N, C-alpha and C. Protein backbone atom coordinates (compact mmCIF):
# COMPACT_ATOMS: atom_id res chain seq x y z
N MET A 1 96.87 52.58 24.75
CA MET A 1 97.65 53.51 25.53
C MET A 1 96.74 54.30 26.46
N ALA A 2 97.15 54.44 27.70
CA ALA A 2 96.36 55.17 28.69
C ALA A 2 96.39 56.67 28.40
N ASP A 3 95.37 57.35 28.87
CA ASP A 3 95.29 58.81 28.70
C ASP A 3 96.36 59.50 29.53
N LEU A 4 96.85 60.62 29.00
CA LEU A 4 97.78 61.45 29.77
C LEU A 4 96.97 62.33 30.72
N LEU A 5 97.53 62.56 31.88
CA LEU A 5 96.87 63.38 32.90
C LEU A 5 97.57 64.73 32.98
N PRO A 6 96.83 65.80 33.27
CA PRO A 6 97.49 67.09 33.46
C PRO A 6 98.28 67.08 34.78
N ILE A 7 99.50 67.59 34.72
CA ILE A 7 100.34 67.67 35.91
C ILE A 7 100.15 69.05 36.53
N LEU A 8 99.76 69.07 37.80
CA LEU A 8 99.59 70.33 38.51
C LEU A 8 100.94 70.99 38.70
N THR A 9 100.98 72.31 38.56
CA THR A 9 102.22 73.04 38.76
C THR A 9 102.06 74.05 39.89
N TYR A 10 103.21 74.35 40.49
CA TYR A 10 103.29 75.40 41.50
C TYR A 10 102.68 76.67 40.92
N PRO A 11 101.85 77.37 41.67
CA PRO A 11 101.56 77.30 43.10
C PRO A 11 100.25 76.59 43.45
N ASP A 12 99.79 75.66 42.63
CA ASP A 12 98.51 74.98 42.88
C ASP A 12 98.44 74.48 44.32
N ARG A 13 97.36 74.83 45.01
CA ARG A 13 97.19 74.48 46.43
C ARG A 13 97.12 72.97 46.68
N PHE A 14 96.64 72.24 45.68
CA PHE A 14 96.49 70.79 45.84
C PHE A 14 97.85 70.13 46.12
N LEU A 15 98.93 70.74 45.65
CA LEU A 15 100.27 70.20 45.87
C LEU A 15 100.67 70.23 47.34
N ARG A 16 99.98 71.02 48.14
CA ARG A 16 100.30 71.10 49.57
C ARG A 16 99.36 70.23 50.42
N ARG A 17 98.60 69.39 49.75
CA ARG A 17 97.64 68.52 50.43
C ARG A 17 98.31 67.21 50.86
N THR A 18 97.99 66.76 52.07
CA THR A 18 98.43 65.44 52.53
C THR A 18 97.45 64.42 51.98
N ALA A 19 97.96 63.46 51.23
CA ALA A 19 97.11 62.49 50.54
C ALA A 19 96.50 61.47 51.50
N ASP A 20 95.31 61.02 51.15
CA ASP A 20 94.60 60.00 51.93
C ASP A 20 95.05 58.60 51.51
N PRO A 21 95.03 57.64 52.44
CA PRO A 21 95.41 56.27 52.09
C PRO A 21 94.52 55.68 51.00
N VAL A 22 95.09 54.78 50.24
CA VAL A 22 94.33 54.02 49.25
C VAL A 22 93.74 52.83 49.99
N GLU A 23 92.43 52.70 49.93
CA GLU A 23 91.74 51.65 50.69
C GLU A 23 91.87 50.27 50.06
N ALA A 24 91.86 50.22 48.72
CA ALA A 24 91.94 48.93 48.02
C ALA A 24 92.49 49.17 46.62
N VAL A 25 93.15 48.16 46.08
CA VAL A 25 93.64 48.23 44.71
C VAL A 25 92.52 47.72 43.81
N THR A 26 91.82 48.66 43.22
CA THR A 26 90.66 48.37 42.39
C THR A 26 91.02 48.53 40.91
N PRO A 27 90.14 48.09 40.01
CA PRO A 27 90.39 48.34 38.58
C PRO A 27 90.54 49.84 38.28
N GLN A 28 89.81 50.69 39.01
CA GLN A 28 89.93 52.14 38.80
C GLN A 28 91.31 52.63 39.22
N VAL A 29 91.83 52.10 40.33
CA VAL A 29 93.18 52.48 40.77
C VAL A 29 94.20 52.03 39.72
N ARG A 30 94.06 50.81 39.24
CA ARG A 30 94.98 50.30 38.22
C ARG A 30 94.96 51.16 36.95
N ALA A 31 93.77 51.57 36.53
CA ALA A 31 93.64 52.40 35.32
C ALA A 31 94.31 53.76 35.53
N LYS A 32 94.11 54.33 36.71
CA LYS A 32 94.72 55.64 37.01
C LYS A 32 96.25 55.49 37.06
N VAL A 33 96.73 54.39 37.62
CA VAL A 33 98.18 54.15 37.67
C VAL A 33 98.74 54.07 36.25
N GLU A 34 98.04 53.39 35.35
CA GLU A 34 98.52 53.30 33.96
C GLU A 34 98.62 54.69 33.33
N SER A 35 97.63 55.53 33.60
CA SER A 35 97.67 56.90 33.09
C SER A 35 98.82 57.69 33.72
N MET A 36 99.05 57.46 35.01
CA MET A 36 100.18 58.14 35.67
C MET A 36 101.52 57.72 35.07
N ILE A 37 101.67 56.43 34.78
CA ILE A 37 102.92 55.94 34.19
C ILE A 37 103.14 56.59 32.82
N GLU A 38 102.10 56.61 32.00
CA GLU A 38 102.21 57.25 30.68
C GLU A 38 102.54 58.73 30.81
N THR A 39 101.89 59.39 31.76
CA THR A 39 102.12 60.82 31.98
C THR A 39 103.55 61.07 32.42
N MET A 40 104.06 60.26 33.36
CA MET A 40 105.44 60.42 33.83
C MET A 40 106.42 60.27 32.68
N HIS A 41 106.24 59.25 31.86
CA HIS A 41 107.15 59.04 30.73
C HIS A 41 107.04 60.16 29.70
N ALA A 42 105.82 60.61 29.41
CA ALA A 42 105.64 61.69 28.44
C ALA A 42 106.33 62.96 28.91
N ALA A 43 106.37 63.17 30.23
CA ALA A 43 107.00 64.36 30.81
C ALA A 43 108.49 64.15 31.05
N ARG A 44 108.98 62.95 30.75
CA ARG A 44 110.39 62.60 30.91
C ARG A 44 110.83 62.70 32.38
N GLY A 45 109.95 62.20 33.26
CA GLY A 45 110.24 62.21 34.69
C GLY A 45 110.69 60.85 35.19
N ILE A 46 111.13 60.83 36.45
CA ILE A 46 111.48 59.56 37.11
C ILE A 46 110.59 59.30 38.32
N GLY A 47 109.60 60.16 38.50
CA GLY A 47 108.66 59.97 39.60
C GLY A 47 107.45 60.85 39.42
N LEU A 48 106.32 60.39 39.94
CA LEU A 48 105.10 61.17 39.88
C LEU A 48 104.19 60.71 41.02
N ALA A 49 103.82 61.64 41.87
CA ALA A 49 102.91 61.36 42.98
C ALA A 49 101.48 61.64 42.53
N ALA A 50 100.54 60.90 43.10
CA ALA A 50 99.13 61.08 42.75
C ALA A 50 98.69 62.53 42.96
N THR A 51 99.18 63.17 44.00
CA THR A 51 98.78 64.56 44.26
C THR A 51 99.21 65.50 43.14
N GLN A 52 100.25 65.13 42.40
CA GLN A 52 100.70 65.97 41.29
C GLN A 52 99.75 65.94 40.10
N VAL A 53 98.86 64.97 40.07
CA VAL A 53 97.86 64.90 39.00
C VAL A 53 96.45 65.12 39.57
N GLY A 54 96.39 65.72 40.76
CA GLY A 54 95.10 66.07 41.35
C GLY A 54 94.33 64.91 41.95
N TRP A 55 95.01 63.82 42.26
CA TRP A 55 94.37 62.63 42.82
C TRP A 55 94.76 62.53 44.29
N ASN A 56 93.78 62.55 45.15
CA ASN A 56 94.02 62.49 46.59
C ASN A 56 94.22 61.04 47.02
N ALA A 57 95.41 60.52 46.75
CA ALA A 57 95.71 59.12 47.06
C ALA A 57 97.18 59.00 47.44
N ARG A 58 97.48 58.20 48.46
CA ARG A 58 98.87 57.94 48.89
C ARG A 58 99.46 56.90 47.94
N LEU A 59 99.83 57.36 46.78
CA LEU A 59 100.33 56.48 45.73
C LEU A 59 101.29 57.28 44.86
N ALA A 60 102.38 56.63 44.48
CA ALA A 60 103.34 57.28 43.59
C ALA A 60 103.95 56.26 42.65
N ILE A 61 104.41 56.76 41.52
CA ILE A 61 105.17 55.97 40.56
C ILE A 61 106.61 56.46 40.69
N VAL A 62 107.56 55.56 40.84
CA VAL A 62 108.97 55.94 40.96
C VAL A 62 109.81 55.07 40.03
N SER A 63 110.96 55.62 39.64
CA SER A 63 111.88 54.89 38.78
C SER A 63 113.29 55.40 39.06
N GLY A 64 114.22 54.50 39.10
CA GLY A 64 115.61 54.91 39.30
C GLY A 64 116.27 55.36 38.02
N THR A 65 115.66 55.03 36.87
CA THR A 65 116.28 55.33 35.58
C THR A 65 115.42 56.18 34.66
N GLY A 66 114.12 56.13 34.83
CA GLY A 66 113.22 56.79 33.89
C GLY A 66 112.89 55.93 32.69
N ASP A 67 113.49 54.73 32.63
CA ASP A 67 113.23 53.82 31.50
C ASP A 67 111.86 53.18 31.63
N ARG A 68 111.24 52.93 30.49
CA ARG A 68 109.96 52.24 30.49
C ARG A 68 110.15 50.84 31.08
N ASP A 69 109.19 50.38 31.82
CA ASP A 69 109.20 49.08 32.51
C ASP A 69 110.16 49.05 33.71
N ASP A 70 110.67 50.21 34.11
CA ASP A 70 111.48 50.31 35.33
C ASP A 70 110.68 50.99 36.44
N GLU A 71 109.37 51.12 36.24
CA GLU A 71 108.54 51.82 37.21
C GLU A 71 108.22 50.91 38.40
N LEU A 72 108.13 51.53 39.54
CA LEU A 72 107.69 50.86 40.76
C LEU A 72 106.49 51.65 41.27
N VAL A 73 105.38 50.97 41.51
CA VAL A 73 104.19 51.60 42.05
C VAL A 73 104.22 51.39 43.56
N ILE A 74 104.22 52.49 44.29
CA ILE A 74 104.22 52.40 45.76
C ILE A 74 102.91 52.98 46.28
N ILE A 75 102.15 52.16 46.96
CA ILE A 75 100.86 52.53 47.52
C ILE A 75 100.98 52.55 49.04
N ASN A 76 100.46 53.60 49.65
CA ASN A 76 100.51 53.77 51.10
C ASN A 76 101.92 53.54 51.67
N PRO A 77 102.92 54.22 51.11
CA PRO A 77 104.30 53.99 51.57
C PRO A 77 104.51 54.45 53.01
N GLU A 78 105.35 53.68 53.70
CA GLU A 78 105.78 54.03 55.07
C GLU A 78 107.30 53.95 55.11
N ILE A 79 107.93 55.00 55.59
CA ILE A 79 109.38 54.97 55.73
C ILE A 79 109.70 54.32 57.08
N LEU A 80 110.50 53.24 57.02
CA LEU A 80 110.89 52.52 58.23
C LEU A 80 112.24 52.97 58.76
N ASP A 81 113.12 53.42 57.86
CA ASP A 81 114.45 53.86 58.27
C ASP A 81 115.05 54.73 57.17
N LEU A 82 115.89 55.64 57.60
CA LEU A 82 116.65 56.52 56.70
C LEU A 82 118.08 56.54 57.19
N TRP A 83 119.04 56.74 56.27
CA TRP A 83 120.43 56.87 56.68
C TRP A 83 121.20 57.75 55.71
N GLY A 84 122.27 58.32 56.23
CA GLY A 84 123.16 59.14 55.42
C GLY A 84 122.56 60.48 55.06
N SER A 85 123.33 61.24 54.28
CA SER A 85 122.91 62.56 53.82
C SER A 85 123.71 62.89 52.56
N GLU A 86 123.00 63.43 51.58
CA GLU A 86 123.67 63.77 50.32
C GLU A 86 122.92 64.93 49.66
N ALA A 87 123.68 65.88 49.14
CA ALA A 87 123.11 67.01 48.41
C ALA A 87 123.29 66.77 46.92
N LEU A 88 122.18 66.73 46.18
CA LEU A 88 122.21 66.54 44.73
C LEU A 88 121.19 67.47 44.08
N GLU A 89 121.44 67.79 42.81
CA GLU A 89 120.49 68.61 42.08
C GLU A 89 119.25 67.80 41.74
N GLU A 90 118.10 68.42 41.94
CA GLU A 90 116.81 67.80 41.62
C GLU A 90 115.98 68.75 40.79
N GLY A 91 115.06 68.17 40.07
CA GLY A 91 114.01 68.91 39.40
C GLY A 91 112.69 68.31 39.85
N CYS A 92 111.60 68.89 39.37
CA CYS A 92 110.28 68.39 39.76
C CYS A 92 109.30 68.71 38.63
N LEU A 93 108.49 67.73 38.25
CA LEU A 93 107.54 67.94 37.17
C LEU A 93 106.52 69.03 37.50
N SER A 94 106.29 69.31 38.78
CA SER A 94 105.37 70.37 39.18
C SER A 94 106.05 71.74 39.25
N PHE A 95 107.35 71.76 38.98
CA PHE A 95 108.13 73.00 38.96
C PHE A 95 108.96 73.04 37.67
N PRO A 96 108.29 73.07 36.50
CA PRO A 96 109.06 73.04 35.26
C PRO A 96 110.03 74.22 35.16
N GLY A 97 111.25 73.92 34.72
CA GLY A 97 112.26 74.95 34.56
C GLY A 97 112.99 75.32 35.84
N VAL A 98 112.71 74.61 36.93
CA VAL A 98 113.34 74.90 38.23
C VAL A 98 114.18 73.70 38.64
N ASN A 99 115.42 73.96 39.00
CA ASN A 99 116.32 72.93 39.54
C ASN A 99 116.99 73.49 40.77
N ALA A 100 117.27 72.62 41.73
CA ALA A 100 117.91 73.07 42.96
C ALA A 100 118.66 71.91 43.60
N VAL A 101 119.68 72.24 44.37
CA VAL A 101 120.41 71.24 45.13
C VAL A 101 119.63 70.99 46.41
N ILE A 102 119.22 69.75 46.60
CA ILE A 102 118.41 69.36 47.75
C ILE A 102 119.18 68.32 48.55
N THR A 103 119.24 68.52 49.86
CA THR A 103 119.89 67.56 50.74
C THR A 103 118.83 66.59 51.25
N ARG A 104 119.10 65.31 51.03
CA ARG A 104 118.19 64.25 51.47
C ARG A 104 119.01 63.11 52.06
N PRO A 105 118.36 62.22 52.80
CA PRO A 105 119.05 61.00 53.21
C PRO A 105 119.53 60.23 51.98
N VAL A 106 120.59 59.49 52.14
CA VAL A 106 121.13 58.67 51.04
C VAL A 106 120.27 57.43 50.84
N GLY A 107 119.87 56.80 51.94
CA GLY A 107 119.14 55.54 51.83
C GLY A 107 117.81 55.56 52.54
N VAL A 108 116.93 54.65 52.07
CA VAL A 108 115.60 54.53 52.64
C VAL A 108 115.22 53.06 52.72
N HIS A 109 114.58 52.70 53.83
CA HIS A 109 113.95 51.39 53.99
C HIS A 109 112.45 51.68 53.99
N LEU A 110 111.75 51.09 53.05
CA LEU A 110 110.36 51.43 52.79
C LEU A 110 109.46 50.21 52.88
N ARG A 111 108.27 50.39 53.43
CA ARG A 111 107.19 49.40 53.35
C ARG A 111 106.08 50.04 52.52
N TYR A 112 105.51 49.27 51.61
CA TYR A 112 104.46 49.79 50.74
C TYR A 112 103.59 48.63 50.27
N THR A 113 102.48 48.97 49.67
CA THR A 113 101.63 47.98 49.03
C THR A 113 101.87 48.09 47.53
N ASP A 114 101.99 46.93 46.86
CA ASP A 114 102.22 46.95 45.41
C ASP A 114 100.87 46.91 44.68
N LEU A 115 100.93 46.92 43.37
CA LEU A 115 99.72 46.98 42.55
C LEU A 115 98.90 45.69 42.61
N ASP A 116 99.50 44.61 43.15
CA ASP A 116 98.76 43.37 43.35
C ASP A 116 98.14 43.30 44.74
N GLY A 117 98.31 44.35 45.54
CA GLY A 117 97.75 44.39 46.88
C GLY A 117 98.62 43.73 47.94
N ASN A 118 99.86 43.38 47.57
CA ASN A 118 100.77 42.74 48.53
C ASN A 118 101.64 43.78 49.23
N VAL A 119 101.86 43.57 50.52
CA VAL A 119 102.76 44.45 51.28
C VAL A 119 104.19 44.01 50.99
N GLN A 120 105.01 44.98 50.64
CA GLN A 120 106.40 44.73 50.29
C GLN A 120 107.31 45.62 51.15
N GLU A 121 108.56 45.24 51.26
CA GLU A 121 109.59 46.09 51.87
C GLU A 121 110.77 46.12 50.93
N MET A 122 111.46 47.24 50.93
CA MET A 122 112.65 47.38 50.11
C MET A 122 113.58 48.42 50.72
N GLU A 123 114.84 48.35 50.34
CA GLU A 123 115.83 49.35 50.70
C GLU A 123 116.50 49.81 49.43
N ASP A 124 116.85 51.09 49.39
CA ASP A 124 117.61 51.59 48.25
C ASP A 124 118.44 52.79 48.69
N ASP A 125 119.67 52.83 48.19
CA ASP A 125 120.54 53.97 48.48
C ASP A 125 121.11 54.55 47.17
N GLU A 126 120.34 54.40 46.11
CA GLU A 126 120.70 54.94 44.80
C GLU A 126 119.63 55.96 44.39
N MET A 127 119.53 56.24 43.11
CA MET A 127 118.58 57.24 42.60
C MET A 127 117.13 56.85 42.91
N LEU A 128 116.80 55.56 42.90
CA LEU A 128 115.44 55.15 43.22
C LEU A 128 115.05 55.60 44.62
N GLY A 129 115.95 55.42 45.58
CA GLY A 129 115.68 55.84 46.95
C GLY A 129 115.43 57.34 47.04
N ARG A 130 116.24 58.10 46.34
CA ARG A 130 116.08 59.56 46.34
C ARG A 130 114.72 59.93 45.72
N CYS A 131 114.36 59.26 44.64
CA CYS A 131 113.08 59.51 43.99
C CYS A 131 111.92 59.17 44.94
N ILE A 132 112.04 58.07 45.64
CA ILE A 132 111.01 57.68 46.62
C ILE A 132 110.82 58.80 47.65
N LEU A 133 111.92 59.33 48.17
CA LEU A 133 111.83 60.38 49.19
C LEU A 133 111.20 61.65 48.63
N HIS A 134 111.52 62.01 47.38
CA HIS A 134 110.93 63.18 46.74
C HIS A 134 109.42 63.00 46.61
N GLU A 135 108.99 61.83 46.12
CA GLU A 135 107.56 61.58 45.94
C GLU A 135 106.84 61.41 47.27
N PHE A 136 107.52 60.83 48.27
CA PHE A 136 106.95 60.71 49.61
C PHE A 136 106.63 62.10 50.16
N ASP A 137 107.54 63.05 49.93
CA ASP A 137 107.27 64.43 50.34
C ASP A 137 105.98 64.94 49.70
N HIS A 138 105.82 64.71 48.40
CA HIS A 138 104.60 65.16 47.72
C HIS A 138 103.36 64.59 48.39
N LEU A 139 103.40 63.32 48.77
CA LEU A 139 102.23 62.70 49.40
C LEU A 139 101.91 63.30 50.76
N ASN A 140 102.90 63.98 51.33
CA ASN A 140 102.71 64.65 52.62
C ASN A 140 102.52 66.16 52.45
N GLY A 141 102.30 66.60 51.22
CA GLY A 141 102.05 68.02 50.97
C GLY A 141 103.29 68.89 51.05
N ILE A 142 104.45 68.28 50.94
CA ILE A 142 105.72 69.01 51.01
C ILE A 142 106.27 69.15 49.60
N THR A 143 106.43 70.38 49.14
CA THR A 143 106.99 70.58 47.81
C THR A 143 108.49 70.80 47.89
N PHE A 144 109.14 70.63 46.77
CA PHE A 144 110.58 70.76 46.76
C PHE A 144 111.00 72.21 46.95
N LEU A 145 110.08 73.16 46.79
CA LEU A 145 110.36 74.56 47.09
C LEU A 145 110.73 74.73 48.56
N SER A 146 110.04 74.02 49.44
CA SER A 146 110.31 74.15 50.87
C SER A 146 111.65 73.53 51.28
N LYS A 147 112.23 72.72 50.39
CA LYS A 147 113.53 72.09 50.67
C LYS A 147 114.69 72.91 50.09
N MET A 148 114.37 73.92 49.28
CA MET A 148 115.41 74.72 48.63
C MET A 148 116.09 75.67 49.61
N SER A 149 117.37 75.88 49.36
CA SER A 149 118.10 76.88 50.13
C SER A 149 117.66 78.27 49.65
N PRO A 150 117.87 79.30 50.48
CA PRO A 150 117.57 80.66 50.01
C PRO A 150 118.33 81.01 48.72
N ALA A 151 119.57 80.53 48.59
CA ALA A 151 120.35 80.81 47.38
C ALA A 151 119.69 80.18 46.15
N ASP A 152 119.20 78.94 46.28
CA ASP A 152 118.54 78.29 45.14
C ASP A 152 117.22 78.98 44.82
N LYS A 153 116.51 79.47 45.82
CA LYS A 153 115.28 80.22 45.57
C LYS A 153 115.60 81.49 44.79
N MET A 154 116.71 82.11 45.14
CA MET A 154 117.12 83.33 44.44
C MET A 154 117.50 83.03 42.99
N VAL A 155 118.26 81.97 42.78
CA VAL A 155 118.67 81.58 41.43
C VAL A 155 117.45 81.27 40.57
N ASN A 156 116.42 80.70 41.16
CA ASN A 156 115.22 80.27 40.42
C ASN A 156 114.07 81.28 40.49
N ARG A 157 114.35 82.48 40.99
CA ARG A 157 113.27 83.43 41.24
C ARG A 157 112.45 83.76 39.99
N ARG A 158 113.09 83.90 38.84
CA ARG A 158 112.33 84.23 37.61
C ARG A 158 111.41 83.09 37.21
N ALA A 159 111.92 81.87 37.24
CA ALA A 159 111.10 80.71 36.87
C ALA A 159 109.94 80.54 37.86
N LEU A 160 110.20 80.73 39.15
CA LEU A 160 109.15 80.61 40.16
C LEU A 160 108.10 81.71 39.97
N LYS A 161 108.55 82.92 39.69
CA LYS A 161 107.62 84.04 39.47
C LYS A 161 106.74 83.76 38.25
N ALA A 162 107.34 83.22 37.18
CA ALA A 162 106.56 82.89 35.98
C ALA A 162 105.50 81.84 36.29
N LEU A 163 105.85 80.84 37.09
CA LEU A 163 104.87 79.81 37.48
C LEU A 163 103.76 80.43 38.32
N GLU A 164 104.12 81.33 39.24
CA GLU A 164 103.11 81.99 40.07
C GLU A 164 102.16 82.82 39.22
N GLU A 165 102.71 83.55 38.25
CA GLU A 165 101.87 84.39 37.39
C GLU A 165 100.95 83.53 36.53
N ARG A 166 101.46 82.41 36.02
CA ARG A 166 100.63 81.51 35.22
C ARG A 166 99.52 80.91 36.09
N GLY A 167 99.85 80.57 37.33
CA GLY A 167 98.86 80.05 38.26
C GLY A 167 97.79 81.08 38.59
N ASP A 168 98.19 82.34 38.73
CA ASP A 168 97.22 83.40 39.01
C ASP A 168 96.25 83.57 37.85
N ARG A 169 96.75 83.46 36.62
CA ARG A 169 95.88 83.61 35.44
C ARG A 169 94.87 82.46 35.37
N ARG A 170 95.29 81.24 35.75
CA ARG A 170 94.37 80.10 35.70
C ARG A 170 93.28 80.21 36.75
N SER A 171 93.60 80.77 37.92
CA SER A 171 92.61 80.82 38.99
C SER A 171 91.70 82.03 38.86
N ALA A 172 92.02 82.95 37.96
CA ALA A 172 91.20 84.17 37.80
C ALA A 172 89.93 83.90 37.03
């Protein structure tokens, strides 16, 4: 079993970093991906971006179900097309205890490199597509806090304040 990785939480500055491309799929990349998959499942998530575990790499693990063996590794993802719009409640492993209604496109057409180094394309207009868009934001340094409405920020103010205070104690 791969080691679990610590998940960075808000307000960690690394979460606002735009990730660098992955140059090659190496044994080290594969090992880190295995750890990310284990970490995502241990946290009961359906997605995890490399930046959420402090790794400066354009790589994410996504799943439409959260079930083991339903993971898709997307390396250097590029969005080719988006369509529709839908508001749904989301959570984020980097914002434990925070949920908000986020409006995102319904569908995505994506090009990415897989773990075998092959370029792939896919389309999805279900939960997997939404998860891809959430993790794609992370790779661009965009947190789900910036997508929240003022009302959702107000509803989550105590949880956000607690995360900020915990972050301040760690950096002191």
